Amino acid sequence: MKRVQQCGHKIGGPDAGPTLGVITNKDGTRSAAYGGLKHCGSVWTCPVCAVKVATRRADDLAAVMRAVHERGGSAFMLTLTMRHARGDRLGLSTGDRRRRDLLEERRADREVAEANGWDVDERAAEAEEIELAGIKAKEGCWDVLGYAWAAVTSGSTWVKDSALFGGLLGWARVVEVTDGANGWHVHVHALLCFADDVSAELVTAGVGARMFGRWRRALERKGFDASDEHGWDLRKAQLGEGDLADYFTKMAHEVTGAAGKHGRSRGGRTPMQLLADAVDIYRAEDLARWWEWEEASDGRRQLTWSRGSRDLRGLARLGQEATDEEIAEEDQGAEVRLALTINTWEWLTRSQRETELLVAAEAGGIEGAQRWLAQRGLASRAVGCELQPRPSD
């Protein structure tokens, strides 16, 4: 991907190095990011941008959770999964998805024309139907997931469910993908927020079971299925304990931490773990899986929100949502930054140690980053306040 290839390239003259900033998040953790670099904004294929975007999304979701609880409501974490096999495709490319949508629009236009007795080019229509069928035959787990989620959150039963427990305030949905022995595992994590403070047992019986029923029926229409026992899970969420904000915080640490490179989750490898294996081992199968991931993930949204009267961002007064690219381009506004010399930056990129420095900064702050650099004989200086003494080895 061209935009990812440009990510991390310096901005400025040939002798200007980037900067490193560290901020303390609302939950007490630290986030580190580079300044003075180009950013691609890809949450799916770029470890650096993924961390920065995940940190912001975690803050937004934490704000939503606080707003829900302050008004006496309750939040629940719903997970929906599908059965999968090693041979299942992950999903259509961006180009195929756009072409499919265009052909479906043309089909709808033809149906209107035929209903009104207007002339339709039957040969062109037949050719487009053949093309559309060919594209749909290539749809994978991710494409089916989007279709099934739309079925879950629509229809008369969903309208009735939304009126229970004081009314549904809204939802936020995240797509997670791992690669395991049984192929691509694509699933949904959704935060459901209600106006009343109710128990998980009531929401499970009153809403969760019906949501899963719609989920499974939609999957079956596309040739997939979901297990009664393992196809869904619903539990009450408390801020910082198993909610979506906590999910994004953990994801950020998994990307930057050692576990992100060598660890394995129960569901298999995360995409960043797959990338690390593809780079470290250079096994043909891992490379092929990564290329499939790159193609299928491009252009898809990681986090989506309910809209209209169920706008959770409006409830939390978060304002207009920034795009991934806009978040990646933001300067974190750290009070102190490390200015890295061009030689230091070239050493980091040549040895592929940029992420290690971010980990050191998040663990020990600016001082920790300075110490990490000094131990390797790399120059830096603090800017933005009084110059700090360089830590000794």
Protein backbone atom coordinates (compact mmCIF):
# COMPACT_ATOMS: atom_id res chain seq x y z
CA MET A 1 0.00 0.00 0.00
CA LYS A 2 1.58 3.24 -1.17
CA ARG A 3 0.30 5.42 1.67
CA VAL A 4 1.66 2.99 4.28
CA GLN A 5 5.01 2.88 2.49
CA GLN A 6 5.27 6.67 2.89
CA CYS A 7 4.39 6.56 6.59
CA GLY A 8 7.28 7.49 8.84
CA HIS A 9 9.15 9.46 6.18
CA LYS A 10 10.63 12.68 7.49
CA ILE A 11 9.10 16.07 6.90
CA GLY A 12 11.57 18.91 6.55
CA GLY A 13 15.12 19.40 5.38
CA PRO A 14 17.75 16.69 5.00
CA ASP A 15 19.39 17.55 8.34
CA ALA A 16 16.16 17.74 10.37
CA GLY A 17 15.25 14.78 12.54
CA PRO A 18 11.81 14.01 13.99
CA THR A 19 10.73 14.48 17.61
CA LEU A 20 9.34 12.08 20.20
CA GLY A 21 6.54 13.18 22.54
CA VAL A 22 4.92 11.46 25.51
CA ILE A 23 1.56 12.29 27.11
CA THR A 24 -0.20 10.82 30.13
CA ASN A 25 -3.67 9.49 29.37
CA LYS A 26 -6.72 9.91 31.57
CA ASP A 27 -6.30 6.37 32.91
CA GLY A 28 -2.71 7.04 34.00
CA THR A 29 -1.03 5.19 31.15
CA ARG A 30 1.41 6.90 28.79
CA SER A 31 1.22 7.24 25.01
CA ALA A 32 4.25 8.05 22.86
CA ALA A 33 4.33 9.19 19.24
CA TYR A 34 6.72 10.73 16.75
CA GLY A 35 6.32 14.23 15.34
CA GLY A 36 7.72 15.67 12.13
CA LEU A 37 6.84 12.56 10.12
CA LYS A 38 4.32 11.68 7.48
CA HIS A 39 1.43 9.54 8.72
CA CYS A 40 -0.72 7.11 6.73
CA GLY A 41 -3.55 6.78 9.26
CA SER A 42 -3.98 3.04 8.60
CA VAL A 43 -5.33 1.30 11.70
CA TRP A 44 -5.08 -2.06 9.95
CA THR A 45 -1.56 -2.21 8.52
CA CYS A 46 0.58 0.45 10.26
CA PRO A 47 1.73 -0.27 13.86
CA VAL A 48 2.61 3.37 14.59
CA CYS A 49 -0.67 4.89 13.36
CA ALA A 50 -2.69 2.04 14.88
CA VAL A 51 -1.38 2.90 18.35
CA LYS A 52 -2.12 6.59 18.01
CA VAL A 53 -5.65 6.05 16.69
CA ALA A 54 -6.41 3.35 19.27
CA THR A 55 -5.41 5.70 22.10
CA ARG A 56 -7.82 8.38 20.87
CA ARG A 57 -10.65 5.91 20.34
CA ALA A 58 -10.15 4.60 23.87
CA ASP A 59 -10.48 8.15 25.25
CA ASP A 60 -13.67 8.75 23.24
CA LEU A 61 -15.27 5.51 24.38
CA ALA A 62 -14.30 6.15 28.00
CA ALA A 63 -16.03 9.54 27.74
CA VAL A 64 -19.17 7.80 26.44
CA MET A 65 -19.10 5.32 29.32
CA ARG A 66 -18.80 8.13 31.86
CA ALA A 67 -21.70 10.03 30.24
CA VAL A 68 -23.93 6.94 30.31
CA HIS A 69 -23.21 6.21 33.97
CA GLU A 70 -23.60 9.84 35.02
CA ARG A 71 -27.16 9.82 33.72
CA GLY A 72 -27.95 6.56 35.54
CA GLY A 73 -27.72 4.26 32.55
CA SER A 74 -25.88 1.02 31.91
CA ALA A 75 -23.59 -0.40 29.23
CA PHE A 76 -23.08 -3.92 27.92
CA MET A 77 -20.40 -5.57 25.83
CA LEU A 78 -21.84 -7.85 23.15
CA THR A 79 -19.60 -10.17 21.13
CA LEU A 80 -20.91 -11.90 17.99
CA THR A 81 -18.86 -14.48 16.12
CA MET A 82 -19.28 -16.80 13.14
CA ARG A 83 -18.05 -20.27 12.33
CA HIS A 84 -15.08 -20.21 9.99
CA ALA A 85 -12.80 -22.60 8.12
CA ARG A 86 -9.27 -22.38 6.81
CA GLY A 87 -10.42 -22.04 3.23
CA ASP A 88 -12.76 -19.09 3.86
CA ARG A 89 -11.80 -15.85 2.14
CA LEU A 90 -11.35 -12.77 4.31
CA GLY A 91 -13.13 -10.28 2.08
CA LEU A 92 -13.38 -8.30 -1.12
CA SER A 93 -10.86 -5.65 -2.09
CA THR A 94 -11.80 -1.98 -2.04
CA GLY A 95 -12.22 -1.98 -5.82
CA ASP A 96 -14.51 -5.02 -5.80
CA ARG A 97 -16.61 -3.55 -2.98
CA ARG A 98 -17.10 -0.31 -4.89
CA ARG A 99 -17.98 -2.14 -8.09
CA ARG A 100 -20.44 -4.40 -6.24
CA ASP A 101 -22.17 -1.40 -4.68
CA LEU A 102 -22.41 0.34 -8.06
CA LEU A 103 -23.88 -2.74 -9.74
CA GLU A 104 -26.41 -3.15 -6.93
CA GLU A 105 -27.46 0.48 -7.37
CA ARG A 106 -27.93 -0.11 -11.10
CA ARG A 107 -30.01 -3.21 -10.36
CA ALA A 108 -32.25 -1.15 -8.08
CA ASP A 109 -32.62 1.50 -10.80
CA ARG A 110 -33.60 -1.18 -13.31
CA GLU A 111 -36.23 -2.55 -10.95
CA VAL A 112 -37.75 0.93 -10.66
CA ALA A 113 -37.67 1.33 -14.44
CA GLU A 114 -39.33 -2.03 -15.03
CA ALA A 115 -42.01 -1.27 -12.43
CA ASN A 116 -42.84 1.92 -14.35
CA GLY A 117 -42.83 0.23 -17.75
CA TRP A 118 -39.73 2.05 -18.96
CA ASP A 119 -37.30 0.55 -21.47
CA VAL A 120 -34.34 -1.40 -20.06
CA ASP A 121 -31.26 -2.54 -21.99
CA GLU A 122 -31.65 -6.26 -21.33
CA ARG A 123 -28.27 -7.27 -22.75
CA ALA A 124 -26.43 -4.75 -20.57
CA ALA A 125 -28.54 -5.80 -17.59
CA GLU A 126 -27.66 -9.47 -18.12
CA ALA A 127 -23.96 -8.67 -18.38
CA GLU A 128 -24.06 -6.65 -15.17
CA GLU A 129 -25.93 -9.42 -13.34
CA ILE A 130 -23.26 -11.92 -14.38
CA GLU A 131 -20.53 -9.55 -13.21
CA LEU A 132 -22.31 -8.93 -9.90
CA ALA A 133 -22.75 -12.65 -9.30
CA GLY A 134 -19.03 -13.16 -9.90
CA ILE A 135 -18.09 -10.50 -7.36
CA LYS A 136 -20.53 -11.82 -4.76
CA ALA A 137 -19.07 -15.29 -5.18
CA LYS A 138 -15.77 -13.88 -3.91
CA GLU A 139 -17.27 -12.31 -0.77
CA GLY A 140 -15.59 -13.40 2.45
CA CYS A 141 -16.14 -13.40 6.20
CA TRP A 142 -15.74 -9.64 6.58
CA ASP A 143 -18.30 -8.87 3.88
CA VAL A 144 -20.80 -11.25 5.45
CA LEU A 145 -20.16 -9.72 8.88
CA GLY A 146 -21.26 -6.30 7.62
CA TYR A 147 -24.41 -7.78 6.12
CA ALA A 148 -25.23 -9.67 9.34
CA TRP A 149 -24.68 -6.66 11.60
CA ALA A 150 -27.03 -4.59 9.44
CA ALA A 151 -29.64 -7.34 9.90
CA VAL A 152 -29.08 -7.32 13.67
CA THR A 153 -29.70 -3.57 13.97
CA SER A 154 -32.73 -3.25 11.70
CA GLY A 155 -36.30 -4.49 11.49
CA SER A 156 -39.37 -4.28 13.69
CA THR A 157 -37.93 -6.50 16.44
CA TRP A 158 -34.89 -4.27 16.73
CA VAL A 159 -37.15 -1.23 17.06
CA LYS A 160 -38.96 -2.96 19.94
CA ASP A 161 -35.68 -4.02 21.57
CA SER A 162 -34.42 -0.44 21.39
CA ALA A 163 -37.37 0.76 23.47
CA LEU A 164 -36.64 -1.57 26.40
CA PHE A 165 -34.87 -0.61 29.65
CA GLY A 166 -35.52 3.10 29.34
CA GLY A 167 -34.53 3.10 25.68
CA LEU A 168 -31.34 2.33 23.79
CA LEU A 169 -29.03 5.34 23.98
CA GLY A 170 -26.90 3.99 21.16
CA TRP A 171 -24.17 1.56 20.20
CA ALA A 172 -20.53 1.51 19.10
CA ARG A 173 -19.20 -1.41 17.07
CA VAL A 174 -15.67 -2.67 16.52
CA VAL A 175 -14.53 -5.36 14.09
CA GLU A 176 -11.71 -7.62 15.26
CA VAL A 177 -9.86 -10.12 13.08
CA THR A 178 -7.34 -12.80 14.03
CA ASP A 179 -5.66 -15.52 11.98
CA GLY A 180 -5.70 -18.99 13.52
CA ALA A 181 -5.47 -22.67 12.69
CA ASN A 182 -9.06 -22.56 11.38
CA GLY A 183 -8.54 -19.51 9.21
CA TRP A 184 -9.70 -15.94 9.58
CA HIS A 185 -11.70 -15.35 12.75
CA VAL A 186 -13.82 -12.23 12.16
CA HIS A 187 -16.09 -11.04 14.95
CA VAL A 188 -17.94 -8.04 16.35
CA HIS A 189 -17.53 -6.33 19.72
CA ALA A 190 -20.39 -3.91 20.35
CA LEU A 191 -21.05 -1.55 23.23
CA LEU A 192 -24.80 -1.27 23.89
CA CYS A 193 -25.86 1.62 26.13
CA PHE A 194 -29.30 1.85 27.81
CA ALA A 195 -30.93 4.69 29.73
CA ASP A 196 -31.76 2.56 32.81
CA ASP A 197 -29.38 0.69 35.09
CA VAL A 198 -30.37 -2.93 34.45
CA SER A 199 -28.78 -6.32 35.01
CA ALA A 200 -26.94 -8.39 32.43
CA GLU A 201 -29.46 -11.20 32.93
CA LEU A 202 -32.36 -8.99 31.84
CA VAL A 203 -30.56 -7.59 28.79
CA THR A 204 -29.32 -11.05 27.80
CA ALA A 205 -32.81 -12.52 27.88
CA GLY A 206 -34.62 -9.46 26.58
CA VAL A 207 -32.28 -8.24 23.84
CA GLY A 208 -29.14 -10.32 23.46
CA ALA A 209 -30.82 -13.59 22.51
CA ARG A 210 -32.88 -11.92 19.80
CA MET A 211 -29.86 -10.06 18.43
CA PHE A 212 -28.01 -13.37 18.16
CA GLY A 213 -31.01 -14.94 16.45
CA ARG A 214 -31.00 -12.25 13.76
CA TRP A 215 -27.20 -12.57 13.49
CA ARG A 216 -27.33 -16.32 12.91
CA ARG A 217 -30.20 -16.17 10.40
CA ALA A 218 -28.37 -13.51 8.40
CA LEU A 219 -25.20 -15.63 8.35
CA GLU A 220 -27.16 -18.65 7.17
CA ARG A 221 -28.56 -16.66 4.26
CA LYS A 222 -24.95 -16.13 3.14
CA GLY A 223 -23.84 -19.73 3.66
CA PHE A 224 -22.25 -19.21 7.08
CA ASP A 225 -23.35 -20.18 10.58
CA ALA A 226 -22.87 -19.40 14.28
CA SER A 227 -22.67 -21.69 17.29
CA ASP A 228 -25.38 -21.56 19.96
CA GLU A 229 -22.72 -22.11 22.61
CA HIS A 230 -19.88 -19.94 21.31
CA GLY A 231 -21.56 -17.62 18.81
CA TRP A 232 -22.30 -14.81 21.23
CA ASP A 233 -21.55 -13.38 24.64
CA LEU A 234 -23.09 -10.45 26.53
CA ARG A 235 -21.88 -8.99 29.82
CA LYS A 236 -22.26 -5.77 31.74
CA ALA A 237 -19.41 -3.34 31.14
CA GLN A 238 -17.81 -1.06 33.71
CA LEU A 239 -15.41 1.70 32.72
CA GLY A 240 -11.94 0.21 32.30
CA GLU A 241 -13.11 -3.36 32.89
CA GLY A 242 -13.88 -5.18 29.68
CA ASP A 243 -15.52 -2.31 27.79
CA LEU A 244 -14.56 -1.05 24.33
CA ALA A 245 -12.33 1.67 25.79
CA ASP A 246 -10.40 -1.05 27.62
CA TYR A 247 -10.26 -3.05 24.38
CA PHE A 248 -8.61 -0.18 22.49
CA THR A 249 -6.18 0.51 25.34
CA LYS A 250 -5.08 -3.13 25.38
CA MET A 251 -4.81 -3.15 21.61
CA ALA A 252 -2.47 -0.16 21.71
CA HIS A 253 -0.22 -1.89 24.23
CA GLU A 254 -0.26 -5.14 22.26
CA VAL A 255 0.89 -3.34 19.12
CA THR A 256 3.78 -1.56 20.82
CA GLY A 257 4.68 -4.14 23.46
CA ALA A 258 6.67 -7.32 23.22
CA ALA A 259 3.44 -9.34 23.32
CA GLY A 260 2.40 -7.65 20.11
CA LYS A 261 5.36 -9.21 18.35
CA HIS A 262 5.65 -12.64 19.90
CA GLY A 263 2.42 -13.30 21.78
CA ARG A 264 -0.57 -15.34 20.70
CA SER A 265 -4.15 -14.71 21.67
CA ARG A 266 -6.56 -17.56 22.20
CA GLY A 267 -8.15 -16.80 18.84
CA GLY A 268 -4.85 -16.81 16.94
CA ARG A 269 -2.50 -14.12 15.67
CA THR A 270 -3.54 -10.51 15.45
CA PRO A 271 -2.70 -8.84 12.12
CA MET A 272 0.31 -7.12 13.71
CA GLN A 273 1.56 -10.48 15.03
CA LEU A 274 1.08 -11.88 11.54
CA LEU A 275 3.12 -8.99 10.14
CA ALA A 276 5.90 -9.59 12.67
CA ASP A 277 6.05 -13.27 11.72
CA ALA A 278 6.03 -12.42 8.02
CA VAL A 279 9.01 -10.09 8.55
CA ASP A 280 10.94 -12.29 10.99
CA ILE A 281 10.40 -15.73 9.46
CA TYR A 282 9.64 -14.75 5.85
CA ARG A 283 7.48 -17.83 5.44
CA ALA A 284 5.53 -17.84 2.18
CA GLU A 285 2.24 -18.73 3.89
CA ASP A 286 2.53 -15.81 6.33
CA LEU A 287 3.33 -13.40 3.53
CA ALA A 288 0.32 -14.58 1.53
CA ARG A 289 -1.95 -14.17 4.57
CA TRP A 290 -0.62 -10.67 5.16
CA TRP A 291 -1.18 -9.65 1.53
CA GLU A 292 -4.73 -10.97 1.76
CA TRP A 293 -5.18 -8.93 4.96
CA GLU A 294 -3.84 -5.76 3.32
CA GLU A 295 -6.20 -6.09 0.36
CA ALA A 296 -9.33 -6.94 2.37
CA SER A 297 -8.86 -4.41 5.19
CA ASP A 298 -8.14 -1.39 3.01
CA GLY A 299 -10.88 1.22 3.22
CA ARG A 300 -12.85 -0.47 6.02
CA ARG A 301 -13.78 1.30 9.24
CA GLN A 302 -12.59 -0.16 12.51
CA LEU A 303 -15.06 1.65 14.78
CA THR A 304 -18.60 2.65 13.81
CA TRP A 305 -21.31 4.42 15.82
CA SER A 306 -25.08 4.47 15.80
CA ARG A 307 -26.44 7.69 14.33
CA GLY A 308 -29.41 10.03 14.50
CA SER A 309 -31.33 10.01 17.78
CA ARG A 310 -28.95 7.36 19.15
CA ASP A 311 -25.75 9.37 18.74
CA LEU A 312 -23.48 8.35 21.63
CA ARG A 313 -20.83 10.88 20.64
CA GLY A 314 -23.43 13.63 20.98
CA LEU A 315 -24.46 12.26 24.38
CA ALA A 316 -20.85 12.57 25.55
CA ARG A 317 -20.41 15.97 23.81
CA LEU A 318 -17.46 14.68 21.82
CA GLY A 319 -18.21 16.68 18.71
CA GLN A 320 -17.58 15.57 15.16
CA GLU A 321 -15.60 12.36 14.87
CA ALA A 322 -12.08 12.75 13.50
CA THR A 323 -11.00 10.35 10.78
CA ASP A 324 -8.15 7.91 11.37
CA GLU A 325 -5.96 10.01 9.08
CA GLU A 326 -6.73 13.21 10.99
CA ILE A 327 -5.91 11.58 14.33
CA ALA A 328 -2.63 10.20 12.97
CA GLU A 329 -1.60 13.67 11.79
CA GLU A 330 -2.32 15.35 15.13
CA ASP A 331 0.49 16.52 17.35
CA GLN A 332 -0.10 15.04 20.78
CA GLY A 333 0.77 18.32 22.48
CA ALA A 334 3.33 16.88 24.88
CA GLU A 335 4.88 19.44 27.25
CA VAL A 336 8.32 17.94 26.63
CA ARG A 337 9.58 16.36 23.44
CA LEU A 338 12.83 14.74 22.46
CA ALA A 339 14.47 16.14 19.36
CA LEU A 340 16.22 13.28 17.57
CA THR A 341 19.22 13.97 15.39
CA ILE A 342 19.11 12.81 11.80
CA ASN A 343 21.80 10.21 12.58
CA THR A 344 19.74 8.87 15.48
CA TRP A 345 16.64 8.58 13.32
CA GLU A 346 18.51 6.90 10.48
CA TRP A 347 19.88 4.33 12.95
CA LEU A 348 16.39 3.65 14.32
CA THR A 349 14.82 3.16 10.89
CA ARG A 350 17.76 1.17 9.52
CA SER A 351 17.62 -1.27 12.46
CA GLN A 352 13.79 -1.17 12.61
CA ARG A 353 13.84 -0.14 16.29
CA GLU A 354 11.35 2.77 16.11
CA THR A 355 8.70 0.80 17.99
CA GLU A 356 11.16 -0.23 20.71
CA LEU A 357 11.84 3.42 21.47
CA LEU A 358 8.09 4.09 21.73
CA VAL A 359 7.80 1.21 24.21
CA ALA A 360 10.66 2.65 26.30
CA ALA A 361 8.99 6.07 26.28
CA GLU A 362 5.63 4.69 27.36
CA ALA A 363 7.26 2.69 30.15
CA GLY A 364 9.62 5.35 31.50
CA GLY A 365 8.48 8.66 30.02
CA ILE A 366 10.88 11.09 28.37
CA GLU A 367 13.61 10.08 30.82
CA GLY A 368 13.14 6.43 29.89
CA ALA A 369 13.45 7.25 26.20
CA GLN A 370 16.58 9.33 26.82
CA ARG A 371 18.09 6.50 28.82
CA TRP A 372 17.27 3.95 26.06
CA LEU A 373 18.93 6.16 23.47
CA ALA A 374 21.97 6.94 25.63
CA GLN A 375 22.61 3.23 26.24
CA ARG A 376 22.98 2.87 22.47
CA GLY A 377 25.11 5.96 22.04
CA LEU A 378 22.35 7.88 20.26
CA ALA A 379 21.97 11.64 20.59
CA SER A 380 18.80 13.50 21.59
CA ARG A 381 17.79 16.61 23.48
CA ALA A 382 14.65 17.66 25.33
CA VAL A 383 12.73 20.61 23.89
CA GLY A 384 9.64 22.47 25.01
CA CYS A 385 10.89 23.30 28.50
CA GLU A 386 14.18 23.65 30.34
CA LEU A 387 16.79 21.37 28.90
CA GLN A 388 16.99 18.19 30.95
CA PRO A 389 20.32 16.58 31.76
CA ARG A 390 21.05 13.52 29.74
CA PRO A 391 20.66 10.35 31.86
CA SER A 392 23.77 8.41 32.57
CA ASP A 393 24.21 4.88 31.32
